[in-house]
Amino acid sequence: MSGEMSPIDRAKFIAAKRAVDFIEDGMRVGLGTGSTAAWMVRCLAERVKAEGLQITGVPTSARTADLGRSLGLRVVSLDEAKWLDLTIDGTDEFDPNLNLIKGGGGALLMEKIVATASDQMIVIADISKQVEKLGSFPLPVEIIPFGWQTTKTLIEETLINLDVMGRSSTLRLDRDQPYITDQGNYILDLHLRRIGNARQVSLVLNQIPGVVENGLFIDICDIIVLGHGDGTVEVRDINNGTVTQDRIEVVDGDNLFTDL
C-alpha cells in the first residue's frame, strides 16, 4: 500500500497533492508533462471527481492530454482556452531564484508557451532538483530537423563565448532514431555542467537559426512546491518572499497515482 512508495515517489506525490490545492472551481489550468506532473494530473482528477469542480485543462503534450482525458478531465487546446489562471508543471532543475531547466520529458516548447500564457506558474519538485547553479542537468534545445548538424555546430561554436563549463551537445535519441517532439522537431541536449548567466545563454541560443526554443525558464516560475520523503512539503513564493511548511499524510490507496 502507501508503504510501498519509494521516498522519491512519496516526495513527488506530496508536492503534486499540495499543488492542486491552488486550483479553484472554474479555473483554466495548464497541465505539465513528466513523471511528477503525471501525479498532479491524477490528484487533480481526484479533486474534480470528489468536489465536482469545473476545471478546463490545457495539456503541454499529447501524452498529458491522453492521461487527462482518460481520467475524465476536460482538456482543450490553448487556442480554445486563450489564457490560463495557472500552470502546474515539474522541473529538471531549479535555482534559488526559481529559474528552471525543463525539457527532460521532451515537451519544453509547449511547456514554455503554456506557462507564459498563465497568470501564475507553480512548479512541483522533490529536493533532488534543487541546485545552486543551473547546468548539471543537460539543457534541452528544440531544433528543426533540417540542417540539424549545422545547427549543432553553430550552437557549440556560440557556447565558446558564453559563461558555461561544458560545450558538447548530443542529439536525443529514441532507441536508434532521433527523438521527435510533438511538433516534429529534434532535441539537442547541451552538456554545460554549470551555467554562469542563464538569461544570456537563453537569449543567445534563441538567436541561432534552426533553434526553436530552449529549456531555460527564466522569471517564469512563481511558486515552488517542494516535497520531501518524510511527508513534509515546502511552498516557496518568489513574489511574496514567503516560505511555508506543511505535512501531508499519505494514506492507503495513494500509491494508485502512478507515473506515466
C-alpha atoms as a PDB file:
ATOM      1  CA  MET A   1       0.000   0.000   0.000  1.00  0.00           C
ATOM      2  CA  SER A   2       1.318   3.507   0.763  1.00  0.00           C
ATOM      3  CA  GLY A   3       4.387   1.995   2.443  1.00  0.00           C
ATOM      4  CA  GLU A   4       5.451   0.580  -0.913  1.00  0.00           C
ATOM      5  CA  MET A   5       6.172   4.046  -2.305  1.00  0.00           C
ATOM      6  CA  SER A   6       9.842   4.989  -2.530  1.00  0.00           C
ATOM      7  CA  PRO A   7      10.950   8.230  -0.797  1.00  0.00           C
ATOM      8  CA  ILE A   8      11.264   9.943  -4.194  1.00  0.00           C
ATOM      9  CA  ASP A   9       7.801   8.798  -5.305  1.00  0.00           C
ATOM     10  CA  ARG A  10       6.378   9.909  -1.962  1.00  0.00           C
ATOM     11  CA  ALA A  11       8.024  13.335  -2.342  1.00  0.00           C
ATOM     12  CA  LYS A  12       6.642  13.737  -5.873  1.00  0.00           C
ATOM     13  CA  PHE A  13       3.162  12.717  -4.794  1.00  0.00           C
ATOM     14  CA  ILE A  14       3.161  15.034  -1.774  1.00  0.00           C
ATOM     15  CA  ALA A  15       4.267  18.003  -3.895  1.00  0.00           C
ATOM     16  CA  ALA A  16       1.607  17.222  -6.504  1.00  0.00           C
ATOM     17  CA  LYS A  17      -1.148  16.823  -3.931  1.00  0.00           C
ATOM     18  CA  ARG A  18      -0.270  20.136  -2.252  1.00  0.00           C
ATOM     19  CA  ALA A  19      -0.011  21.981  -5.574  1.00  0.00           C
ATOM     20  CA  VAL A  20      -3.542  21.120  -6.703  1.00  0.00           C
ATOM     21  CA  ASP A  21      -4.833  22.934  -3.611  1.00  0.00           C
ATOM     22  CA  PHE A  22      -4.092  26.144  -5.544  1.00  0.00           C
ATOM     23  CA  ILE A  23      -6.708  25.212  -8.141  1.00  0.00           C
ATOM     24  CA  GLU A  24     -10.180  26.681  -7.696  1.00  0.00           C
ATOM     25  CA  ASP A  25     -13.521  25.992  -9.333  1.00  0.00           C
ATOM     26  CA  GLY A  26     -13.814  27.476 -12.822  1.00  0.00           C
ATOM     27  CA  MET A  27     -10.081  27.801 -13.428  1.00  0.00           C
ATOM     28  CA  ARG A  28      -8.259  27.178 -16.688  1.00  0.00           C
ATOM     29  CA  VAL A  29      -5.147  25.206 -15.803  1.00  0.00           C
ATOM     30  CA  GLY A  30      -2.011  24.304 -17.730  1.00  0.00           C
ATOM     31  CA  LEU A  31      -1.148  20.643 -17.212  1.00  0.00           C
ATOM     32  CA  GLY A  32       2.553  19.847 -17.256  1.00  0.00           C
ATOM     33  CA  THR A  33       4.414  16.866 -18.657  1.00  0.00           C
ATOM     34  CA  GLY A  34       6.631  14.299 -16.946  1.00  0.00           C
ATOM     35  CA  SER A  35       6.531  11.888 -14.036  1.00  0.00           C
ATOM     36  CA  THR A  36       5.854  14.456 -11.299  1.00  0.00           C
ATOM     37  CA  ALA A  37       3.274  16.280 -13.426  1.00  0.00           C
ATOM     38  CA  ALA A  38       1.506  12.964 -14.034  1.00  0.00           C
ATOM     39  CA  TRP A  39       0.904  12.641 -10.293  1.00  0.00           C
ATOM     40  CA  MET A  40      -0.529  16.166 -10.327  1.00  0.00           C
ATOM     41  CA  VAL A  41      -2.952  15.343 -13.150  1.00  0.00           C
ATOM     42  CA  ARG A  42      -4.184  12.326 -11.210  1.00  0.00           C
ATOM     43  CA  CYS A  43      -4.519  14.315  -7.988  1.00  0.00           C
ATOM     44  CA  LEU A  44      -6.471  16.978  -9.876  1.00  0.00           C
ATOM     45  CA  ALA A  45      -8.774  14.358 -11.378  1.00  0.00           C
ATOM     46  CA  GLU A  46      -9.455  13.043  -7.861  1.00  0.00           C
ATOM     47  CA  ARG A  47     -10.396  16.554  -6.685  1.00  0.00           C
ATOM     48  CA  VAL A  48     -12.634  17.116  -9.694  1.00  0.00           C
ATOM     49  CA  LYS A  49     -14.404  13.825  -9.066  1.00  0.00           C
ATOM     50  CA  ALA A  50     -14.747  14.314  -5.308  1.00  0.00           C
ATOM     51  CA  GLU A  51     -15.725  18.004  -5.310  1.00  0.00           C
ATOM     52  CA  GLY A  52     -17.452  18.433  -8.664  1.00  0.00           C
ATOM     53  CA  LEU A  53     -15.059  21.170  -9.748  1.00  0.00           C
ATOM     54  CA  GLN A  54     -15.449  22.680 -13.212  1.00  0.00           C
ATOM     55  CA  ILE A  55     -11.873  22.762 -14.498  1.00  0.00           C
ATOM     56  CA  THR A  56     -10.532  23.269 -18.007  1.00  0.00           C
ATOM     57  CA  GLY A  57      -7.114  21.736 -18.617  1.00  0.00           C
ATOM     58  CA  VAL A  58      -4.630  22.710 -21.305  1.00  0.00           C
ATOM     59  CA  PRO A  59      -2.034  19.943 -21.749  1.00  0.00           C
ATOM     60  CA  THR A  60       1.623  20.516 -22.619  1.00  0.00           C
ATOM     61  CA  SER A  61       1.998  17.257 -24.542  1.00  0.00           C
ATOM     62  CA  ALA A  62      -0.020  14.598 -26.301  1.00  0.00           C
ATOM     63  CA  ARG A  63       0.631  12.101 -23.505  1.00  0.00           C
ATOM     64  CA  THR A  64      -0.614  14.527 -20.840  1.00  0.00           C
ATOM     65  CA  ALA A  65      -3.710  15.152 -22.953  1.00  0.00           C
ATOM     66  CA  ASP A  66      -4.317  11.403 -23.190  1.00  0.00           C
ATOM     67  CA  LEU A  67      -3.851  10.972 -19.438  1.00  0.00           C
ATOM     68  CA  GLY A  68      -6.188  13.845 -18.609  1.00  0.00           C
ATOM     69  CA  ARG A  69      -8.934  12.590 -20.892  1.00  0.00           C
ATOM     70  CA  SER A  70      -8.586   9.051 -19.556  1.00  0.00           C
ATOM     71  CA  LEU A  71      -9.200  10.408 -16.046  1.00  0.00           C
ATOM     72  CA  GLY A  72     -12.277  12.386 -17.071  1.00  0.00           C
ATOM     73  CA  LEU A  73     -10.761  15.875 -17.185  1.00  0.00           C
ATOM     74  CA  ARG A  74     -11.958  18.440 -19.699  1.00  0.00           C
ATOM     75  CA  VAL A  75      -8.975  19.017 -21.990  1.00  0.00           C
ATOM     76  CA  VAL A  76      -8.819  21.758 -24.623  1.00  0.00           C
ATOM     77  CA  SER A  77      -6.186  23.496 -26.734  1.00  0.00           C
ATOM     78  CA  LEU A  78      -4.510  26.731 -25.671  1.00  0.00           C
ATOM     79  CA  ASP A  79      -6.160  28.470 -28.617  1.00  0.00           C
ATOM     80  CA  GLU A  80      -9.542  27.493 -27.215  1.00  0.00           C
ATOM     81  CA  ALA A  81      -8.681  28.461 -23.639  1.00  0.00           C
ATOM     82  CA  LYS A  82      -6.804  31.614 -24.748  1.00  0.00           C
ATOM     83  CA  TRP A  83      -5.374  32.488 -21.309  1.00  0.00           C
ATOM     84  CA  LEU A  84      -4.830  30.442 -18.171  1.00  0.00           C
ATOM     85  CA  ASP A  85      -5.188  31.108 -14.472  1.00  0.00           C
ATOM     86  CA  LEU A  86      -2.203  28.952 -13.612  1.00  0.00           C
ATOM     87  CA  THR A  87       0.059  26.194 -14.861  1.00  0.00           C
ATOM     88  CA  ILE A  88       1.416  23.378 -12.710  1.00  0.00           C
ATOM     89  CA  ASP A  89       4.449  21.529 -14.025  1.00  0.00           C
ATOM     90  CA  GLY A  90       7.572  19.718 -12.897  1.00  0.00           C
ATOM     91  CA  THR A  91      11.191  20.669 -13.449  1.00  0.00           C
ATOM     92  CA  ASP A  92      14.574  19.070 -14.033  1.00  0.00           C
ATOM     93  CA  GLU A  93      16.458  21.703 -12.017  1.00  0.00           C
ATOM     94  CA  PHE A  94      15.693  24.933 -10.168  1.00  0.00           C
ATOM     95  CA  ASP A  95      17.972  27.533  -8.602  1.00  0.00           C
ATOM     96  CA  PRO A  96      17.436  29.894  -5.614  1.00  0.00           C
ATOM     97  CA  ASN A  97      15.741  32.454  -7.903  1.00  0.00           C
ATOM     98  CA  LEU A  98      13.311  29.788  -9.172  1.00  0.00           C
ATOM     99  CA  ASN A  99      14.843  29.756 -12.633  1.00  0.00           C
ATOM    100  CA  LEU A 100      14.481  26.345 -14.212  1.00  0.00           C
ATOM    101  CA  ILE A 101      15.838  23.823 -16.661  1.00  0.00           C
ATOM    102  CA  LYS A 102      12.975  21.910 -18.260  1.00  0.00           C
ATOM    103  CA  GLY A 103      12.596  19.597 -21.217  1.00  0.00           C
ATOM    104  CA  GLY A 104      13.823  16.254 -19.937  1.00  0.00           C
ATOM    105  CA  GLY A 105      10.453  14.877 -20.972  1.00  0.00           C
ATOM    106  CA  GLY A 106      10.752  16.370 -24.453  1.00  0.00           C
ATOM    107  CA  ALA A 107       7.897  18.903 -24.158  1.00  0.00           C
ATOM    108  CA  LEU A 108       9.794  22.127 -23.449  1.00  0.00           C
ATOM    109  CA  LEU A 109       8.274  24.142 -26.312  1.00  0.00           C
ATOM    110  CA  MET A 110       4.647  23.558 -25.358  1.00  0.00           C
ATOM    111  CA  GLU A 111       5.540  23.805 -21.666  1.00  0.00           C
ATOM    112  CA  LYS A 112       7.074  27.255 -22.112  1.00  0.00           C
ATOM    113  CA  ILE A 113       4.237  28.544 -24.285  1.00  0.00           C
ATOM    114  CA  VAL A 114       1.592  27.337 -21.820  1.00  0.00           C
ATOM    115  CA  ALA A 115       3.487  28.623 -18.775  1.00  0.00           C
ATOM    116  CA  THR A 116       3.930  32.093 -20.235  1.00  0.00           C
ATOM    117  CA  ALA A 117       0.238  32.203 -21.164  1.00  0.00           C
ATOM    118  CA  SER A 118      -0.659  31.826 -17.474  1.00  0.00           C
ATOM    119  CA  ASP A 119      -1.150  34.316 -14.671  1.00  0.00           C
ATOM    120  CA  GLN A 120       0.942  32.070 -12.453  1.00  0.00           C
ATOM    121  CA  MET A 121       3.306  29.111 -12.797  1.00  0.00           C
ATOM    122  CA  ILE A 122       3.593  26.622  -9.954  1.00  0.00           C
ATOM    123  CA  VAL A 123       6.415  24.091 -10.126  1.00  0.00           C
ATOM    124  CA  ILE A 124       6.347  20.798  -8.229  1.00  0.00           C
ATOM    125  CA  ALA A 125       9.586  19.012  -7.386  1.00  0.00           C
ATOM    126  CA  ASP A 126      11.495  16.864  -4.944  1.00  0.00           C
ATOM    127  CA  ILE A 127      14.624  18.105  -3.180  1.00  0.00           C
ATOM    128  CA  SER A 128      16.967  16.442  -5.701  1.00  0.00           C
ATOM    129  CA  LYS A 129      16.007  19.087  -8.275  1.00  0.00           C
ATOM    130  CA  GLN A 130      17.408  21.955  -6.192  1.00  0.00           C
ATOM    131  CA  VAL A 131      20.794  23.381  -7.298  1.00  0.00           C
ATOM    132  CA  GLU A 132      22.844  26.469  -6.578  1.00  0.00           C
ATOM    133  CA  LYS A 133      23.650  26.989 -10.265  1.00  0.00           C
ATOM    134  CA  LEU A 134      21.796  25.558 -13.237  1.00  0.00           C
ATOM    135  CA  GLY A 135      23.581  23.288 -15.672  1.00  0.00           C
ATOM    136  CA  SER A 136      24.215  19.904 -14.072  1.00  0.00           C
ATOM    137  CA  PHE A 137      21.164  18.608 -15.919  1.00  0.00           C
ATOM    138  CA  PRO A 138      21.732  18.743 -19.700  1.00  0.00           C
ATOM    139  CA  LEU A 139      19.980  21.754 -21.221  1.00  0.00           C
ATOM    140  CA  PRO A 140      17.458  20.667 -23.888  1.00  0.00           C
ATOM    141  CA  VAL A 141      17.240  22.771 -27.040  1.00  0.00           C
ATOM    142  CA  GLU A 142      14.491  22.067 -29.569  1.00  0.00           C
ATOM    143  CA  ILE A 143      15.676  22.441 -33.159  1.00  0.00           C
ATOM    144  CA  ILE A 144      14.162  21.841 -36.582  1.00  0.00           C
ATOM    145  CA  PRO A 145      15.329  18.658 -38.350  1.00  0.00           C
ATOM    146  CA  PHE A 146      16.526  20.464 -41.484  1.00  0.00           C
ATOM    147  CA  GLY A 147      20.265  21.045 -41.231  1.00  0.00           C
ATOM    148  CA  TRP A 148      20.359  19.889 -37.630  1.00  0.00           C
ATOM    149  CA  GLN A 149      24.061  19.062 -37.718  1.00  0.00           C
ATOM    150  CA  THR A 150      24.797  22.616 -38.866  1.00  0.00           C
ATOM    151  CA  THR A 151      22.639  23.957 -36.055  1.00  0.00           C
ATOM    152  CA  LYS A 152      24.528  21.728 -33.612  1.00  0.00           C
ATOM    153  CA  THR A 153      27.857  23.107 -34.830  1.00  0.00           C
ATOM    154  CA  LEU A 154      26.628  26.706 -34.589  1.00  0.00           C
ATOM    155  CA  ILE A 155      25.424  26.122 -31.021  1.00  0.00           C
ATOM    156  CA  GLU A 156      28.731  24.590 -29.922  1.00  0.00           C
ATOM    157  CA  GLU A 157      30.703  27.439 -31.519  1.00  0.00           C
ATOM    158  CA  THR A 158      28.458  30.017 -29.842  1.00  0.00           C
ATOM    159  CA  LEU A 159      28.949  28.409 -26.431  1.00  0.00           C
ATOM    160  CA  ILE A 160      32.669  29.231 -26.590  1.00  0.00           C
ATOM    161  CA  ASN A 161      31.821  32.861 -25.820  1.00  0.00           C
ATOM    162  CA  LEU A 162      29.376  32.125 -23.003  1.00  0.00           C
ATOM    163  CA  ASP A 163      29.906  31.556 -19.288  1.00  0.00           C
ATOM    164  CA  VAL A 164      29.467  27.781 -19.225  1.00  0.00           C
ATOM    165  CA  MET A 165      31.791  24.960 -18.154  1.00  0.00           C
ATOM    166  CA  GLY A 166      30.952  22.462 -20.901  1.00  0.00           C
ATOM    167  CA  ARG A 167      30.235  22.930 -24.599  1.00  0.00           C
ATOM    168  CA  SER A 168      29.392  19.496 -26.013  1.00  0.00           C
ATOM    169  CA  SER A 169      25.935  18.501 -27.230  1.00  0.00           C
ATOM    170  CA  THR A 170      24.211  15.272 -28.202  1.00  0.00           C
ATOM    171  CA  LEU A 171      21.186  14.565 -30.333  1.00  0.00           C
ATOM    172  CA  ARG A 172      18.460  12.974 -28.216  1.00  0.00           C
ATOM    173  CA  LEU A 173      17.552   9.531 -29.470  1.00  0.00           C
ATOM    174  CA  ASP A 174      14.525   7.270 -29.249  1.00  0.00           C
ATOM    175  CA  ARG A 175      16.220   3.893 -29.427  1.00  0.00           C
ATOM    176  CA  ASP A 176      18.436   4.308 -32.510  1.00  0.00           C
ATOM    177  CA  GLN A 177      16.452   7.104 -34.174  1.00  0.00           C
ATOM    178  CA  PRO A 178      16.206  10.842 -33.395  1.00  0.00           C
ATOM    179  CA  TYR A 179      13.645  11.653 -30.732  1.00  0.00           C
ATOM    180  CA  ILE A 180      10.745  13.539 -32.347  1.00  0.00           C
ATOM    181  CA  THR A 181       8.808  16.137 -30.351  1.00  0.00           C
ATOM    182  CA  ASP A 182       5.048  16.642 -30.638  1.00  0.00           C
ATOM    183  CA  GLN A 183       5.834  19.451 -33.102  1.00  0.00           C
ATOM    184  CA  GLY A 184       8.015  17.209 -35.261  1.00  0.00           C
ATOM    185  CA  ASN A 185      11.339  18.657 -34.140  1.00  0.00           C
ATOM    186  CA  TYR A 186      14.602  17.254 -32.743  1.00  0.00           C
ATOM    187  CA  ILE A 187      16.164  17.934 -29.342  1.00  0.00           C
ATOM    188  CA  LEU A 188      19.823  18.641 -28.657  1.00  0.00           C
ATOM    189  CA  ASP A 189      20.954  18.140 -25.065  1.00  0.00           C
ATOM    190  CA  LEU A 190      23.711  20.598 -24.128  1.00  0.00           C
ATOM    191  CA  HIS A 191      26.157  19.327 -21.511  1.00  0.00           C
ATOM    192  CA  LEU A 192      27.054  22.664 -19.948  1.00  0.00           C
ATOM    193  CA  ARG A 193      27.761  21.422 -16.382  1.00  0.00           C
ATOM    194  CA  ARG A 194      27.396  24.954 -14.997  1.00  0.00           C
ATOM    195  CA  ILE A 195      25.613  27.994 -16.444  1.00  0.00           C
ATOM    196  CA  GLY A 196      27.017  31.274 -15.167  1.00  0.00           C
ATOM    197  CA  ASN A 197      24.478  33.586 -16.822  1.00  0.00           C
ATOM    198  CA  ALA A 198      21.305  31.682 -17.676  1.00  0.00           C
ATOM    199  CA  ARG A 199      19.488  34.717 -19.073  1.00  0.00           C
ATOM    200  CA  GLN A 200      22.290  35.418 -21.548  1.00  0.00           C
ATOM    201  CA  VAL A 201      22.517  31.778 -22.614  1.00  0.00           C
ATOM    202  CA  SER A 202      18.774  31.642 -23.240  1.00  0.00           C
ATOM    203  CA  LEU A 203      18.738  34.813 -25.322  1.00  0.00           C
ATOM    204  CA  VAL A 204      21.779  33.867 -27.399  1.00  0.00           C
ATOM    205  CA  LEU A 205      20.612  30.318 -28.124  1.00  0.00           C
ATOM    206  CA  ASN A 206      17.268  31.520 -29.448  1.00  0.00           C
ATOM    207  CA  GLN A 207      19.011  33.752 -31.993  1.00  0.00           C
ATOM    208  CA  ILE A 208      20.698  30.818 -33.734  1.00  0.00           C
ATOM    209  CA  PRO A 209      18.991  29.756 -36.985  1.00  0.00           C
ATOM    210  CA  GLY A 210      17.386  26.359 -36.591  1.00  0.00           C
ATOM    211  CA  VAL A 211      16.738  26.756 -32.864  1.00  0.00           C
ATOM    212  CA  VAL A 212      13.042  26.748 -31.981  1.00  0.00           C
ATOM    213  CA  GLU A 213      13.282  27.125 -28.188  1.00  0.00           C
ATOM    214  CA  ASN A 214      15.486  26.217 -25.236  1.00  0.00           C
ATOM    215  CA  GLY A 215      14.696  24.707 -21.848  1.00  0.00           C
ATOM    216  CA  LEU A 216      15.747  27.641 -19.674  1.00  0.00           C
ATOM    217  CA  PHE A 217      12.688  29.078 -17.911  1.00  0.00           C
ATOM    218  CA  ILE A 218      13.803  32.485 -16.641  1.00  0.00           C
ATOM    219  CA  ASP A 219      11.460  34.628 -14.491  1.00  0.00           C
ATOM    220  CA  ILE A 220       8.513  32.365 -15.327  1.00  0.00           C
ATOM    221  CA  CYS A 221       8.073  30.293 -12.158  1.00  0.00           C
ATOM    222  CA  ASP A 222       6.237  32.000  -9.274  1.00  0.00           C
ATOM    223  CA  ILE A 223       5.983  29.205  -6.705  1.00  0.00           C
ATOM    224  CA  ILE A 224       7.937  26.029  -5.982  1.00  0.00           C
ATOM    225  CA  VAL A 225       6.147  23.266  -4.096  1.00  0.00           C
ATOM    226  CA  LEU A 226       8.876  21.036  -2.740  1.00  0.00           C
ATOM    227  CA  GLY A 227       8.006  17.564  -1.484  1.00  0.00           C
ATOM    228  CA  HIS A 228      10.086  15.514   0.942  1.00  0.00           C
ATOM    229  CA  GLY A 229      10.082  11.778   1.508  1.00  0.00           C
ATOM    230  CA  ASP A 230       9.138  12.193   5.177  1.00  0.00           C
ATOM    231  CA  GLY A 231       5.788  13.754   4.290  1.00  0.00           C
ATOM    232  CA  THR A 232       6.689  17.413   4.700  1.00  0.00           C
ATOM    233  CA  VAL A 233       6.040  19.905   1.925  1.00  0.00           C
ATOM    234  CA  GLU A 234       7.560  23.345   1.493  1.00  0.00           C
ATOM    235  CA  VAL A 235       5.990  26.160  -0.524  1.00  0.00           C
ATOM    236  CA  ARG A 236       8.332  28.931  -1.700  1.00  0.00           C
ATOM    237  CA  ASP A 237       6.685  32.025  -3.200  1.00  0.00           C
ATOM    238  CA  ILE A 238       9.244  34.129  -5.075  1.00  0.00           C
ATOM    239  CA  ASN A 239       6.894  37.119  -5.428  1.00  0.00           C
ATOM    240  CA  ASN A 240       5.845  37.356  -1.779  1.00  0.00           C
ATOM    241  CA  GLY A 241       9.192  36.210  -0.447  1.00  0.00           C
ATOM    242  CA  THR A 242       7.494  33.666   1.793  1.00  0.00           C
ATOM    243  CA  VAL A 243       8.347  30.076   2.700  1.00  0.00           C
ATOM    244  CA  THR A 244       5.727  27.910   4.401  1.00  0.00           C
ATOM    245  CA  GLN A 245       5.829  24.301   5.518  1.00  0.00           C
ATOM    246  CA  ASP A 246       3.115  21.714   5.992  1.00  0.00           C
ATOM    247  CA  ARG A 247       2.769  17.983   6.367  1.00  0.00           C
ATOM    248  CA  ILE A 248       0.676  15.675   4.213  1.00  0.00           C
ATOM    249  CA  GLU A 249      -0.260  12.202   5.319  1.00  0.00           C
ATOM    250  CA  VAL A 250      -0.051   9.538   2.630  1.00  0.00           C
ATOM    251  CA  VAL A 251      -2.949   7.134   3.090  1.00  0.00           C
ATOM    252  CA  ASP A 252      -3.631   3.693   1.701  1.00  0.00           C
ATOM    253  CA  GLY A 253      -4.545   3.911  -1.974  1.00  0.00           C
ATOM    254  CA  ASP A 254      -2.474   6.990  -2.690  1.00  0.00           C
ATOM    255  CA  ASN A 255       0.037   4.760  -4.463  1.00  0.00           C
ATOM    256  CA  LEU A 256      -2.539   4.368  -7.233  1.00  0.00           C
ATOM    257  CA  PHE A 257      -1.149   7.629  -8.576  1.00  0.00           C
ATOM    258  CA  THR A 258       1.498   6.089 -10.786  1.00  0.00           C
ATOM    259  CA  ASP A 259       3.898   7.777 -13.162  1.00  0.00           C
ATOM    260  CA  LEU A 260       3.409   7.989 -16.890  1.00  0.00           C
END
